[in-house]
Amino acid sequence: SSKGASGPGGSAPIKAGTYDTGKTQGVVGGATVIRVEGFDGKTTPDKPYGDPIFMPYSIEADLPKSKTTQDIDVPGSAAEKLSKVSDPA
């Protein structure tokens, strides 16, 4: 992260608006960059997750080292930016 922290990367699928990194590697806490990507789930051989429904969204957070909940709100502008990239006028 920009705060000089380092640690292993991790990921978790989002289903019905929730995710749980505890089912995978989890997070180590401290300064963290959170990146969210969303897809329509209509898979093809070339698109294993489907088409994107918004532009990748990143935020920085200072997460505790203990188990916690982190709510992430992807702004509507992320979808608006995707439509501008997909269909430039």
Protein backbone atom coordinates (compact mmCIF):
# COMPACT_ATOMS: atom_id res chain seq x y z
CA SER A 1 0.00 0.00 0.00
CA SER A 2 1.03 3.64 -0.14
CA LYS A 3 1.65 3.48 3.62
CA GLY A 4 4.49 1.00 3.20
CA ALA A 5 2.65 -2.06 4.46
CA SER A 6 3.23 -5.39 2.82
CA GLY A 7 1.55 -8.71 3.12
CA PRO A 8 0.00 -11.49 1.11
CA GLY A 9 -2.76 -10.73 -1.36
CA GLY A 10 -6.12 -12.36 -0.97
CA SER A 11 -9.48 -12.60 -2.63
CA ALA A 12 -13.04 -13.58 -1.86
CA PRO A 13 -16.05 -13.98 -4.11
CA ILE A 14 -19.01 -11.70 -3.46
CA LYS A 15 -22.35 -13.55 -3.47
CA ALA A 16 -25.66 -11.80 -2.75
CA GLY A 17 -23.76 -8.73 -1.56
CA THR A 18 -21.58 -10.48 1.04
CA TYR A 19 -18.05 -11.84 1.16
CA ASP A 20 -15.90 -13.67 3.70
CA THR A 21 -12.12 -13.59 3.45
CA GLY A 22 -11.95 -15.98 6.42
CA LYS A 23 -12.83 -18.83 4.06
CA THR A 24 -9.62 -18.15 2.14
CA GLN A 25 -6.34 -16.68 3.38
CA GLY A 26 -7.94 -13.76 5.20
CA VAL A 27 -6.14 -10.45 5.77
CA VAL A 28 -3.26 -9.57 8.07
CA GLY A 29 -4.62 -6.16 9.10
CA GLY A 30 -3.05 -2.74 8.77
CA ALA A 31 -2.95 -0.56 5.68
CA THR A 32 -4.76 -2.41 2.91
CA VAL A 33 -5.81 -1.68 -0.65
CA ILE A 34 -9.25 -3.15 -1.34
CA ARG A 35 -10.12 -3.72 -5.00
CA VAL A 36 -13.64 -4.71 -6.02
CA GLU A 37 -14.59 -6.06 -9.43
CA GLY A 38 -18.11 -7.07 -10.46
CA PHE A 39 -19.28 -9.31 -13.28
CA ASP A 40 -22.65 -10.43 -14.66
CA GLY A 41 -21.88 -14.16 -14.21
CA LYS A 42 -22.70 -15.01 -17.85
CA THR A 43 -19.54 -16.97 -18.52
CA THR A 44 -17.86 -17.87 -21.79
CA PRO A 45 -14.52 -19.59 -22.43
CA ASP A 46 -12.94 -16.13 -22.88
CA LYS A 47 -14.74 -14.55 -19.91
CA PRO A 48 -14.74 -16.94 -16.94
CA TYR A 49 -16.66 -14.43 -14.76
CA GLY A 50 -18.77 -12.84 -17.51
CA ASP A 51 -18.84 -9.21 -18.59
CA PRO A 52 -17.94 -6.47 -16.09
CA ILE A 53 -20.86 -4.55 -14.60
CA PHE A 54 -18.70 -1.68 -13.33
CA MET A 55 -15.12 -0.45 -13.54
CA PRO A 56 -12.72 -1.92 -10.96
CA TYR A 57 -13.04 0.10 -7.75
CA SER A 58 -10.21 0.51 -5.22
CA ILE A 59 -10.06 2.07 -1.78
CA GLU A 60 -7.45 2.16 0.97
CA ALA A 61 -8.42 1.05 4.46
CA ASP A 62 -6.63 0.55 7.76
CA LEU A 63 -7.97 -2.82 8.87
CA PRO A 64 -7.63 -4.21 12.39
CA LYS A 65 -5.61 -7.36 12.98
CA SER A 66 -8.64 -8.98 14.64
CA LYS A 67 -11.72 -10.38 12.92
CA THR A 68 -13.94 -7.56 11.71
CA THR A 69 -16.56 -6.52 9.18
CA GLN A 70 -15.68 -4.07 6.42
CA ASP A 71 -18.58 -2.69 4.40
CA ILE A 72 -17.63 -1.56 0.91
CA ASP A 73 -19.90 0.67 -1.16
CA VAL A 74 -19.06 0.79 -4.85
CA PRO A 75 -20.33 4.15 -6.16
CA GLY A 76 -22.72 4.27 -9.08
CA SER A 77 -20.12 6.30 -10.95
CA ALA A 78 -18.09 3.08 -11.40
CA ALA A 79 -20.89 1.70 -13.61
CA GLU A 80 -21.26 5.04 -15.39
CA LYS A 81 -17.54 5.03 -16.22
CA LEU A 82 -17.88 1.51 -17.67
CA SER A 83 -20.71 2.56 -19.97
CA LYS A 84 -18.59 5.47 -21.24
CA VAL A 85 -15.70 3.09 -21.96
CA SER A 86 -17.96 0.44 -23.56
CA ASP A 87 -19.97 2.90 -25.66
CA PRO A 88 -17.98 6.09 -26.24
CA ALA A 89 -20.26 8.76 -27.70
